[in-house]
Amino acid sequence: MTPGERVRELRESQGISQRDLEDRSGVSRRKIQRIEDGETPPDYTAVITKIASALSVPAQKLLRDPGGDFELMIRSCDLTQRGQYLLLHQCQRLGIACRFLAKQYPEYAPERLAAETGVPARETRLLLAPQSSTDISEASVKRLTQFLSEKAGVPRAWVEFGWFPHESSIRSDAWTLPISIQAQPSR
């Protein structure tokens, strides 16, 4: 979710119109519209700070990027650990993402995940257990994967396959056989 989308979500959840936000923050309605549409004006950080103050939230809440933070956490693991993530069941990778988000971002708490996705609370709790269970319905896995992708920015490819879309080395190079082990012609 982009900062502009977070501004819109917070503004609407508080029942505030763009005009009201303009009055409270001193930021023009047109600039608020542009930010909500994903544009970044030159004075972006100052504008976001004013908007955050008007919405009674810390500016960091609007500027942070859960999906980016998650990717940084995964990338900080050594290659052996990252290779092990490739071998995990999809539910286990989903559990890793859910645990990270629930710990770092309160809005991804188990109750909210269950409420917003329609996934049974029992299955959400199973995912958040240290050893994620694979006893989760396929429909729940799909709904949670979609939610994390759309709302938090966790790449769907990581949950489904264990790699990030822009990273080819984990997919191919790690599993390429050396040339000397190629099949020999039969005689």
N, C-alpha and C. Protein backbone atom coordinates (compact mmCIF):
# COMPACT_ATOMS: atom_id res chain seq x y z
N MET A 1 0.85 -1.17 0.00
CA MET A 1 0.00 0.00 0.00
C MET A 1 0.90 1.24 0.00
N THR A 2 0.62 2.17 -0.89
CA THR A 2 1.44 3.38 -0.99
C THR A 2 1.05 4.36 0.11
N PRO A 3 1.93 5.34 0.39
CA PRO A 3 1.56 6.37 1.37
C PRO A 3 0.25 7.08 1.00
N GLY A 4 0.06 7.36 -0.28
CA GLY A 4 -1.18 8.01 -0.71
C GLY A 4 -2.41 7.16 -0.42
N GLU A 5 -2.28 5.85 -0.63
CA GLU A 5 -3.39 4.95 -0.31
C GLU A 5 -3.64 4.92 1.19
N ARG A 6 -2.55 4.99 1.99
CA ARG A 6 -2.73 5.02 3.44
C ARG A 6 -3.40 6.32 3.88
N VAL A 7 -3.05 7.45 3.23
CA VAL A 7 -3.71 8.72 3.55
C VAL A 7 -5.21 8.59 3.27
N ARG A 8 -5.55 8.08 2.08
CA ARG A 8 -6.97 7.93 1.72
C ARG A 8 -7.69 7.02 2.71
N GLU A 9 -7.07 5.87 3.02
CA GLU A 9 -7.70 4.92 3.93
C GLU A 9 -7.94 5.53 5.31
N LEU A 10 -6.94 6.20 5.85
CA LEU A 10 -7.09 6.83 7.17
C LEU A 10 -8.13 7.96 7.14
N ARG A 11 -8.06 8.79 6.09
CA ARG A 11 -9.00 9.91 5.97
C ARG A 11 -10.43 9.39 5.92
N GLU A 12 -10.66 8.37 5.08
CA GLU A 12 -12.01 7.82 4.94
C GLU A 12 -12.46 7.09 6.20
N SER A 13 -11.55 6.40 6.87
CA SER A 13 -11.93 5.68 8.09
C SER A 13 -12.32 6.64 9.21
N GLN A 14 -11.79 7.87 9.14
CA GLN A 14 -12.15 8.89 10.14
C GLN A 14 -13.33 9.74 9.67
N GLY A 15 -13.86 9.45 8.47
CA GLY A 15 -15.01 10.19 7.96
C GLY A 15 -14.68 11.62 7.58
N ILE A 16 -13.45 11.84 7.13
CA ILE A 16 -12.99 13.19 6.78
C ILE A 16 -12.94 13.33 5.26
N SER A 17 -13.51 14.40 4.74
CA SER A 17 -13.44 14.66 3.30
C SER A 17 -12.10 15.31 2.98
N GLN A 18 -11.76 15.35 1.71
CA GLN A 18 -10.52 16.02 1.31
C GLN A 18 -10.58 17.50 1.67
N ARG A 19 -11.76 18.10 1.55
CA ARG A 19 -11.91 19.52 1.91
C ARG A 19 -11.66 19.73 3.41
N ASP A 20 -12.19 18.82 4.25
CA ASP A 20 -11.96 18.91 5.69
C ASP A 20 -10.47 18.74 6.01
N LEU A 21 -9.83 17.80 5.32
CA LEU A 21 -8.41 17.58 5.54
C LEU A 21 -7.60 18.82 5.12
N GLU A 22 -8.04 19.45 4.05
CA GLU A 22 -7.39 20.69 3.61
C GLU A 22 -7.48 21.75 4.72
N ASP A 23 -8.66 21.89 5.31
CA ASP A 23 -8.85 22.87 6.39
C ASP A 23 -7.99 22.54 7.60
N ARG A 24 -7.91 21.27 7.95
CA ARG A 24 -7.16 20.87 9.15
C ARG A 24 -5.65 20.94 8.96
N SER A 25 -5.19 20.61 7.73
CA SER A 25 -3.75 20.48 7.51
C SER A 25 -3.09 21.69 6.86
N GLY A 26 -3.88 22.50 6.17
CA GLY A 26 -3.31 23.61 5.42
C GLY A 26 -2.72 23.18 4.08
N VAL A 27 -2.92 21.92 3.71
CA VAL A 27 -2.45 21.40 2.42
C VAL A 27 -3.62 21.50 1.44
N SER A 28 -3.36 22.03 0.25
CA SER A 28 -4.44 22.23 -0.71
C SER A 28 -5.13 20.91 -1.07
N ARG A 29 -6.42 21.02 -1.36
CA ARG A 29 -7.18 19.82 -1.72
C ARG A 29 -6.60 19.16 -2.97
N ARG A 30 -6.17 19.94 -3.92
CA ARG A 30 -5.58 19.39 -5.15
C ARG A 30 -4.32 18.58 -4.83
N LYS A 31 -3.49 19.10 -3.90
CA LYS A 31 -2.27 18.37 -3.53
C LYS A 31 -2.63 17.07 -2.81
N ILE A 32 -3.66 17.11 -1.96
CA ILE A 32 -4.12 15.90 -1.28
C ILE A 32 -4.59 14.88 -2.31
N GLN A 33 -5.34 15.31 -3.30
CA GLN A 33 -5.81 14.41 -4.36
C GLN A 33 -4.62 13.78 -5.09
N ARG A 34 -3.63 14.61 -5.42
CA ARG A 34 -2.47 14.10 -6.16
C ARG A 34 -1.70 13.08 -5.33
N ILE A 35 -1.54 13.35 -4.03
CA ILE A 35 -0.83 12.39 -3.16
C ILE A 35 -1.62 11.09 -3.07
N GLU A 36 -2.93 11.18 -2.89
CA GLU A 36 -3.76 9.98 -2.81
C GLU A 36 -3.72 9.19 -4.12
N ASP A 37 -3.48 9.87 -5.23
CA ASP A 37 -3.38 9.21 -6.53
C ASP A 37 -1.97 8.69 -6.82
N GLY A 38 -1.05 8.87 -5.86
CA GLY A 38 0.28 8.29 -6.00
C GLY A 38 1.38 9.23 -6.44
N GLU A 39 1.08 10.49 -6.66
CA GLU A 39 2.11 11.45 -7.06
C GLU A 39 2.92 11.89 -5.84
N THR A 40 4.14 12.32 -6.07
CA THR A 40 4.99 12.79 -4.98
C THR A 40 5.50 14.20 -5.31
N PRO A 41 4.89 15.22 -4.71
CA PRO A 41 5.34 16.59 -4.97
C PRO A 41 6.72 16.83 -4.36
N PRO A 42 7.42 17.89 -4.80
CA PRO A 42 8.77 18.16 -4.29
C PRO A 42 8.85 18.28 -2.76
N ASP A 43 7.80 18.83 -2.15
CA ASP A 43 7.78 19.01 -0.70
C ASP A 43 7.04 17.87 0.00
N TYR A 44 7.18 16.68 -0.53
CA TYR A 44 6.41 15.50 -0.13
C TYR A 44 6.47 15.22 1.37
N THR A 45 7.67 15.16 1.95
CA THR A 45 7.80 14.81 3.37
C THR A 45 7.13 15.85 4.25
N ALA A 46 7.30 17.13 3.95
CA ALA A 46 6.66 18.19 4.74
C ALA A 46 5.14 18.10 4.63
N VAL A 47 4.65 17.82 3.42
CA VAL A 47 3.20 17.70 3.20
C VAL A 47 2.64 16.51 3.96
N ILE A 48 3.31 15.37 3.87
CA ILE A 48 2.86 14.16 4.58
C ILE A 48 2.85 14.42 6.09
N THR A 49 3.84 15.15 6.59
CA THR A 49 3.90 15.46 8.02
C THR A 49 2.69 16.29 8.44
N LYS A 50 2.31 17.27 7.63
CA LYS A 50 1.13 18.10 7.93
C LYS A 50 -0.15 17.26 7.89
N ILE A 51 -0.26 16.41 6.88
CA ILE A 51 -1.45 15.56 6.75
C ILE A 51 -1.53 14.59 7.93
N ALA A 52 -0.39 14.00 8.29
CA ALA A 52 -0.37 13.06 9.42
C ALA A 52 -0.81 13.74 10.70
N SER A 53 -0.33 14.95 10.91
CA SER A 53 -0.72 15.70 12.11
C SER A 53 -2.23 15.95 12.11
N ALA A 54 -2.78 16.31 10.96
CA ALA A 54 -4.23 16.56 10.86
C ALA A 54 -5.04 15.29 11.08
N LEU A 55 -4.46 14.13 10.74
CA LEU A 55 -5.14 12.85 10.94
C LEU A 55 -4.82 12.23 12.30
N SER A 56 -4.01 12.92 13.10
CA SER A 56 -3.61 12.47 14.44
C SER A 56 -2.87 11.14 14.43
N VAL A 57 -1.96 11.00 13.47
CA VAL A 57 -1.10 9.81 13.41
C VAL A 57 0.34 10.27 13.19
N PRO A 58 1.31 9.47 13.59
CA PRO A 58 2.70 9.82 13.30
C PRO A 58 2.95 9.77 11.78
N ALA A 59 3.77 10.67 11.29
CA ALA A 59 4.09 10.71 9.85
C ALA A 59 4.66 9.38 9.38
N GLN A 60 5.42 8.72 10.24
CA GLN A 60 6.03 7.44 9.87
C GLN A 60 4.98 6.40 9.48
N LYS A 61 3.79 6.49 10.09
CA LYS A 61 2.72 5.54 9.76
C LYS A 61 2.30 5.66 8.30
N LEU A 62 2.40 6.88 7.75
CA LEU A 62 2.02 7.09 6.36
C LEU A 62 3.17 6.79 5.41
N LEU A 63 4.40 6.96 5.86
CA LEU A 63 5.57 6.82 4.98
C LEU A 63 6.14 5.41 4.89
N ARG A 64 5.85 4.57 5.84
CA ARG A 64 6.48 3.25 5.86
C ARG A 64 5.96 2.32 4.77
N ASP A 65 6.71 1.25 4.56
CA ASP A 65 6.42 0.32 3.49
C ASP A 65 6.58 -1.10 4.03
N PRO A 66 5.48 -1.73 4.50
CA PRO A 66 5.61 -3.08 5.08
C PRO A 66 6.22 -4.09 4.12
N GLY A 67 5.82 -4.07 2.85
CA GLY A 67 6.37 -5.03 1.89
C GLY A 67 7.86 -4.83 1.69
N GLY A 68 8.30 -3.58 1.63
CA GLY A 68 9.72 -3.28 1.49
C GLY A 68 10.51 -3.71 2.71
N ASP A 69 9.93 -3.46 3.89
CA ASP A 69 10.58 -3.89 5.14
C ASP A 69 10.71 -5.41 5.19
N PHE A 70 9.66 -6.10 4.75
CA PHE A 70 9.69 -7.56 4.75
C PHE A 70 10.79 -8.06 3.80
N GLU A 71 10.87 -7.46 2.61
CA GLU A 71 11.89 -7.88 1.66
C GLU A 71 13.29 -7.63 2.23
N LEU A 72 13.51 -6.50 2.89
CA LEU A 72 14.81 -6.23 3.50
C LEU A 72 15.16 -7.29 4.55
N MET A 73 14.16 -7.68 5.34
CA MET A 73 14.40 -8.70 6.36
C MET A 73 14.82 -10.02 5.71
N ILE A 74 14.12 -10.41 4.65
CA ILE A 74 14.46 -11.67 3.96
C ILE A 74 15.84 -11.56 3.32
N ARG A 75 16.13 -10.44 2.68
CA ARG A 75 17.42 -10.26 2.01
C ARG A 75 18.59 -10.23 3.00
N SER A 76 18.31 -9.90 4.26
CA SER A 76 19.39 -9.88 5.25
C SER A 76 19.77 -11.29 5.72
N CYS A 77 18.97 -12.27 5.37
CA CYS A 77 19.29 -13.67 5.72
C CYS A 77 20.42 -14.16 4.82
N ASP A 78 21.19 -15.12 5.32
CA ASP A 78 22.24 -15.67 4.48
C ASP A 78 21.62 -16.54 3.38
N LEU A 79 22.41 -16.85 2.37
CA LEU A 79 21.89 -17.59 1.21
C LEU A 79 21.39 -18.98 1.58
N THR A 80 21.98 -19.60 2.58
CA THR A 80 21.51 -20.92 3.00
C THR A 80 20.08 -20.81 3.51
N GLN A 81 19.83 -19.83 4.37
CA GLN A 81 18.48 -19.64 4.91
C GLN A 81 17.51 -19.29 3.79
N ARG A 82 17.92 -18.42 2.89
CA ARG A 82 17.04 -18.04 1.78
C ARG A 82 16.75 -19.24 0.88
N GLY A 83 17.74 -20.10 0.69
CA GLY A 83 17.51 -21.31 -0.08
C GLY A 83 16.52 -22.23 0.60
N GLN A 84 16.58 -22.27 1.93
CA GLN A 84 15.63 -23.10 2.68
C GLN A 84 14.21 -22.59 2.52
N TYR A 85 14.04 -21.27 2.39
CA TYR A 85 12.70 -20.71 2.18
C TYR A 85 12.08 -21.24 0.88
N LEU A 86 12.94 -21.51 -0.12
CA LEU A 86 12.45 -22.05 -1.39
C LEU A 86 11.80 -23.42 -1.20
N LEU A 87 12.31 -24.18 -0.24
CA LEU A 87 11.85 -25.55 -0.04
C LEU A 87 10.65 -25.66 0.88
N LEU A 88 10.28 -24.57 1.53
CA LEU A 88 9.15 -24.60 2.44
C LEU A 88 7.83 -24.71 1.70
N HIS A 89 6.85 -25.21 2.39
CA HIS A 89 5.48 -25.23 1.88
C HIS A 89 4.97 -23.79 1.82
N GLN A 90 4.10 -23.50 0.88
CA GLN A 90 3.55 -22.15 0.73
C GLN A 90 2.96 -21.62 2.04
N CYS A 91 2.28 -22.47 2.79
CA CYS A 91 1.68 -22.04 4.07
C CYS A 91 2.77 -21.58 5.05
N GLN A 92 3.92 -22.24 5.02
CA GLN A 92 5.00 -21.86 5.92
C GLN A 92 5.58 -20.50 5.53
N ARG A 93 5.73 -20.24 4.23
CA ARG A 93 6.20 -18.92 3.80
C ARG A 93 5.16 -17.84 4.14
N LEU A 94 3.89 -18.17 3.97
CA LEU A 94 2.81 -17.25 4.33
C LEU A 94 2.87 -16.95 5.83
N GLY A 95 3.15 -17.96 6.63
CA GLY A 95 3.28 -17.77 8.07
C GLY A 95 4.44 -16.85 8.42
N ILE A 96 5.56 -16.99 7.73
CA ILE A 96 6.71 -16.11 7.96
C ILE A 96 6.32 -14.66 7.70
N ALA A 97 5.64 -14.42 6.58
CA ALA A 97 5.21 -13.06 6.24
C ALA A 97 4.21 -12.53 7.27
N CYS A 98 3.24 -13.35 7.65
CA CYS A 98 2.23 -12.93 8.63
C CYS A 98 2.85 -12.61 9.98
N ARG A 99 3.79 -13.46 10.44
CA ARG A 99 4.44 -13.21 11.73
C ARG A 99 5.25 -11.93 11.70
N PHE A 100 5.99 -11.71 10.61
CA PHE A 100 6.78 -10.48 10.49
C PHE A 100 5.86 -9.25 10.55
N LEU A 101 4.80 -9.27 9.76
CA LEU A 101 3.91 -8.11 9.71
C LEU A 101 3.18 -7.89 11.04
N ALA A 102 2.73 -8.96 11.68
CA ALA A 102 2.02 -8.83 12.95
C ALA A 102 2.94 -8.26 14.03
N LYS A 103 4.22 -8.61 13.98
CA LYS A 103 5.17 -8.12 14.98
C LYS A 103 5.54 -6.65 14.73
N GLN A 104 5.75 -6.30 13.46
CA GLN A 104 6.22 -4.95 13.13
C GLN A 104 5.11 -3.92 12.96
N TYR A 105 3.92 -4.38 12.56
CA TYR A 105 2.83 -3.47 12.23
C TYR A 105 1.55 -3.95 12.91
N PRO A 106 1.10 -3.25 13.93
CA PRO A 106 -0.08 -3.69 14.69
C PRO A 106 -1.34 -3.86 13.83
N GLU A 107 -1.42 -3.12 12.73
CA GLU A 107 -2.63 -3.26 11.91
C GLU A 107 -2.71 -4.60 11.19
N TYR A 108 -1.67 -5.42 11.27
CA TYR A 108 -1.71 -6.76 10.68
C TYR A 108 -1.82 -7.83 11.77
N ALA A 109 -2.42 -7.47 12.88
CA ALA A 109 -2.65 -8.42 13.97
C ALA A 109 -3.58 -9.54 13.49
N PRO A 110 -3.51 -10.70 14.12
CA PRO A 110 -4.30 -11.85 13.67
C PRO A 110 -5.80 -11.56 13.55
N GLU A 111 -6.33 -10.79 14.49
CA GLU A 111 -7.77 -10.51 14.46
C GLU A 111 -8.14 -9.72 13.21
N ARG A 112 -7.29 -8.76 12.85
CA ARG A 112 -7.58 -7.95 11.66
C ARG A 112 -7.43 -8.79 10.39
N LEU A 113 -6.39 -9.63 10.35
CA LEU A 113 -6.23 -10.51 9.18
C LEU A 113 -7.47 -11.37 9.00
N ALA A 114 -7.95 -11.94 10.09
CA ALA A 114 -9.14 -12.80 10.01
C ALA A 114 -10.36 -11.99 9.58
N ALA A 115 -10.55 -10.83 10.17
CA ALA A 115 -11.73 -10.02 9.86
C ALA A 115 -11.72 -9.50 8.43
N GLU A 116 -10.57 -9.04 7.96
CA GLU A 116 -10.51 -8.43 6.64
C GLU A 116 -10.46 -9.44 5.50
N THR A 117 -10.03 -10.65 5.79
CA THR A 117 -9.91 -11.64 4.72
C THR A 117 -11.01 -12.69 4.74
N GLY A 118 -11.70 -12.80 5.86
CA GLY A 118 -12.72 -13.84 5.98
C GLY A 118 -12.11 -15.20 6.29
N VAL A 119 -10.82 -15.23 6.56
CA VAL A 119 -10.15 -16.48 6.92
C VAL A 119 -10.51 -16.80 8.37
N PRO A 120 -10.89 -18.04 8.64
CA PRO A 120 -11.22 -18.39 10.03
C PRO A 120 -10.08 -18.05 10.99
N ALA A 121 -10.44 -17.55 12.16
CA ALA A 121 -9.44 -17.15 13.15
C ALA A 121 -8.52 -18.31 13.52
N ARG A 122 -9.07 -19.54 13.56
CA ARG A 122 -8.25 -20.71 13.88
C ARG A 122 -7.10 -20.86 12.88
N GLU A 123 -7.40 -20.67 11.59
CA GLU A 123 -6.36 -20.81 10.57
C GLU A 123 -5.35 -19.67 10.65
N THR A 124 -5.82 -18.48 10.98
CA THR A 124 -4.90 -17.35 11.14
C THR A 124 -3.95 -17.61 12.29
N ARG A 125 -4.47 -18.13 13.40
CA ARG A 125 -3.61 -18.45 14.55
C ARG A 125 -2.60 -19.55 14.19
N LEU A 126 -3.03 -20.54 13.39
CA LEU A 126 -2.10 -21.59 12.97
C LEU A 126 -0.93 -21.00 12.18
N LEU A 127 -1.23 -20.02 11.32
CA LEU A 127 -0.17 -19.40 10.52
C LEU A 127 0.81 -18.61 11.38
N LEU A 128 0.31 -18.04 12.46
CA LEU A 128 1.16 -17.20 13.30
C LEU A 128 1.95 -17.99 14.33
N ALA A 129 1.71 -19.28 14.42
CA ALA A 129 2.48 -20.13 15.33
C ALA A 129 3.91 -20.22 14.82
N PRO A 130 4.90 -20.36 15.71
CA PRO A 130 6.30 -20.42 15.27
C PRO A 130 6.56 -21.45 14.17
N GLN A 131 5.93 -22.61 14.25
CA GLN A 131 6.05 -23.61 13.19
C GLN A 131 4.72 -23.63 12.44
N SER A 132 4.61 -22.80 11.43
CA SER A 132 3.34 -22.66 10.70
C SER A 132 2.83 -24.01 10.23
N SER A 133 1.56 -24.21 10.43
CA SER A 133 0.91 -25.44 10.00
C SER A 133 0.60 -25.38 8.52
N THR A 134 0.58 -26.53 7.90
CA THR A 134 0.14 -26.61 6.50
C THR A 134 -1.31 -27.03 6.43
N ASP A 135 -1.96 -27.11 7.59
CA ASP A 135 -3.36 -27.53 7.67
C ASP A 135 -4.29 -26.32 7.53
N ILE A 136 -4.13 -25.63 6.41
CA ILE A 136 -4.92 -24.42 6.14
C ILE A 136 -5.53 -24.60 4.76
N SER A 137 -6.80 -24.24 4.65
CA SER A 137 -7.50 -24.46 3.38
C SER A 137 -6.87 -23.65 2.25
N GLU A 138 -6.98 -24.19 1.06
CA GLU A 138 -6.44 -23.52 -0.12
C GLU A 138 -7.09 -22.15 -0.31
N ALA A 139 -8.40 -22.06 -0.05
CA ALA A 139 -9.11 -20.79 -0.19
C ALA A 139 -8.55 -19.74 0.78
N SER A 140 -8.24 -20.16 2.01
CA SER A 140 -7.67 -19.24 3.01
C SER A 140 -6.28 -18.77 2.58
N VAL A 141 -5.48 -19.69 2.07
CA VAL A 141 -4.14 -19.33 1.60
C VAL A 141 -4.26 -18.30 0.48
N LYS A 142 -5.17 -18.51 -0.45
CA LYS A 142 -5.35 -17.56 -1.56
C LYS A 142 -5.79 -16.20 -1.06
N ARG A 143 -6.76 -16.18 -0.13
CA ARG A 143 -7.25 -14.88 0.38
C ARG A 143 -6.16 -14.13 1.14
N LEU A 144 -5.41 -14.84 1.99
CA LEU A 144 -4.34 -14.18 2.74
C LEU A 144 -3.21 -13.71 1.83
N THR A 145 -2.86 -14.52 0.85
CA THR A 145 -1.81 -14.14 -0.11
C THR A 145 -2.23 -12.87 -0.85
N GLN A 146 -3.46 -12.83 -1.31
CA GLN A 146 -3.96 -11.66 -2.02
C GLN A 146 -3.97 -10.43 -1.10
N PHE A 147 -4.43 -10.61 0.14
CA PHE A 147 -4.47 -9.50 1.09
C PHE A 147 -3.07 -8.95 1.34
N LEU A 148 -2.11 -9.83 1.62
CA LEU A 148 -0.75 -9.38 1.90
C LEU A 148 -0.13 -8.71 0.69
N SER A 149 -0.46 -9.19 -0.49
CA SER A 149 0.06 -8.60 -1.71
C SER A 149 -0.53 -7.20 -1.93
N GLU A 150 -1.84 -7.08 -1.80
CA GLU A 150 -2.51 -5.80 -2.08
C GLU A 150 -2.32 -4.78 -0.97
N LYS A 151 -2.45 -5.19 0.28
CA LYS A 151 -2.43 -4.25 1.40
C LYS A 151 -1.04 -3.98 1.95
N ALA A 152 -0.20 -4.99 2.00
CA ALA A 152 1.11 -4.82 2.63
C ALA A 152 2.24 -4.75 1.62
N GLY A 153 2.01 -5.17 0.40
CA GLY A 153 3.06 -5.13 -0.60
C GLY A 153 4.01 -6.31 -0.57
N VAL A 154 3.62 -7.39 0.12
CA VAL A 154 4.45 -8.59 0.12
C VAL A 154 4.24 -9.27 -1.23
N PRO A 155 5.29 -9.45 -2.01
CA PRO A 155 5.11 -10.02 -3.35
C PRO A 155 4.47 -11.41 -3.32
N ARG A 156 3.47 -11.58 -4.14
CA ARG A 156 2.78 -12.87 -4.27
C ARG A 156 3.77 -13.97 -4.62
N ALA A 157 4.76 -13.65 -5.45
CA ALA A 157 5.74 -14.66 -5.87
C ALA A 157 6.55 -15.18 -4.69
N TRP A 158 6.80 -14.33 -3.68
CA TRP A 158 7.55 -14.82 -2.53
C TRP A 158 6.72 -15.83 -1.75
N VAL A 159 5.45 -15.52 -1.53
CA VAL A 159 4.60 -16.44 -0.77
C VAL A 159 4.43 -17.75 -1.55
N GLU A 160 4.20 -17.65 -2.85
CA GLU A 160 3.92 -18.85 -3.64
C GLU A 160 5.16 -19.68 -3.94
N PHE A 161 6.30 -19.01 -4.21
CA PHE A 161 7.48 -19.74 -4.68
C PHE A 161 8.76 -19.52 -3.87
N GLY A 162 8.80 -18.48 -3.03
CA GLY A 162 9.98 -18.23 -2.22
C GLY A 162 10.99 -17.29 -2.82
N TRP A 163 10.65 -16.58 -3.88
CA TRP A 163 11.59 -15.62 -4.46
C TRP A 163 10.85 -14.33 -4.81
N PHE A 164 11.62 -13.27 -4.97
CA PHE A 164 11.05 -11.98 -5.32
C PHE A 164 11.04 -11.86 -6.84
N PRO A 165 10.03 -11.24 -7.42
CA PRO A 165 9.88 -11.19 -8.88
C PRO A 165 11.09 -10.66 -9.62
N HIS A 166 11.83 -9.74 -9.05
CA HIS A 166 12.96 -9.11 -9.73
C HIS A 166 14.28 -9.83 -9.45
N GLU A 167 14.22 -11.00 -8.88
CA GLU A 167 15.44 -11.68 -8.45
C GLU A 167 15.54 -13.02 -9.16
N SER A 168 16.37 -13.08 -10.17
CA SER A 168 16.48 -14.32 -10.93
C SER A 168 17.53 -15.27 -10.34
N SER A 169 18.47 -14.75 -9.57
CA SER A 169 19.54 -15.63 -9.09
C SER A 169 19.04 -16.71 -8.15
N ILE A 170 18.08 -16.41 -7.32
CA ILE A 170 17.57 -17.41 -6.40
C ILE A 170 16.81 -18.49 -7.17
N ARG A 171 16.11 -18.09 -8.23
CA ARG A 171 15.32 -19.06 -8.98
C ARG A 171 16.18 -19.98 -9.84
N SER A 172 17.13 -19.41 -10.56
CA SER A 172 17.82 -20.23 -11.53
C SER A 172 19.24 -20.60 -11.12
N ASP A 173 20.06 -19.62 -10.79
CA ASP A 173 21.47 -19.88 -10.53
C ASP A 173 21.68 -20.85 -9.37
N ALA A 174 20.85 -20.74 -8.34
CA ALA A 174 21.03 -21.59 -7.17
C ALA A 174 20.76 -23.06 -7.48
N TRP A 175 20.01 -23.32 -8.53
CA TRP A 175 19.65 -24.70 -8.84
C TRP A 175 20.22 -25.19 -10.18
N THR A 176 21.14 -24.44 -10.77
CA THR A 176 21.75 -24.84 -12.03
C THR A 176 22.78 -25.93 -11.77
N LEU A 177 22.69 -27.00 -12.51
CA LEU A 177 23.68 -28.07 -12.36
C LEU A 177 24.98 -27.68 -13.02
N PRO A 178 26.09 -28.07 -12.44
CA PRO A 178 27.37 -27.80 -13.11
C PRO A 178 27.41 -28.51 -14.46
N ILE A 179 28.14 -27.96 -15.39
CA ILE A 179 28.21 -28.52 -16.75
C ILE A 179 28.74 -29.93 -16.74
N SER A 180 29.64 -30.29 -15.83
CA SER A 180 30.23 -31.63 -15.80
C SER A 180 29.23 -32.72 -15.42
N ILE A 181 28.05 -32.37 -14.92
CA ILE A 181 27.09 -33.37 -14.51
C ILE A 181 26.00 -33.53 -15.56
N GLN A 182 26.24 -33.15 -16.76
CA GLN A 182 25.23 -33.30 -17.79
C GLN A 182 25.13 -34.77 -18.22
N ALA A 183 23.97 -35.12 -18.75
CA ALA A 183 23.73 -36.51 -19.18
C ALA A 183 24.73 -36.90 -20.27
N GLN A 184 25.27 -38.12 -20.15
CA GLN A 184 26.19 -38.64 -21.15
C GLN A 184 25.40 -39.43 -22.18
N PRO A 185 25.77 -39.34 -23.46
CA PRO A 185 25.05 -40.12 -24.48
C PRO A 185 25.22 -41.61 -24.22
N SER A 186 24.15 -42.36 -24.42
CA SER A 186 24.23 -43.81 -24.21
C SER A 186 24.88 -44.46 -25.43
N ARG A 187 25.54 -45.59 -25.23
CA ARG A 187 26.25 -46.27 -26.33
C ARG A 187 25.53 -47.49 -26.75
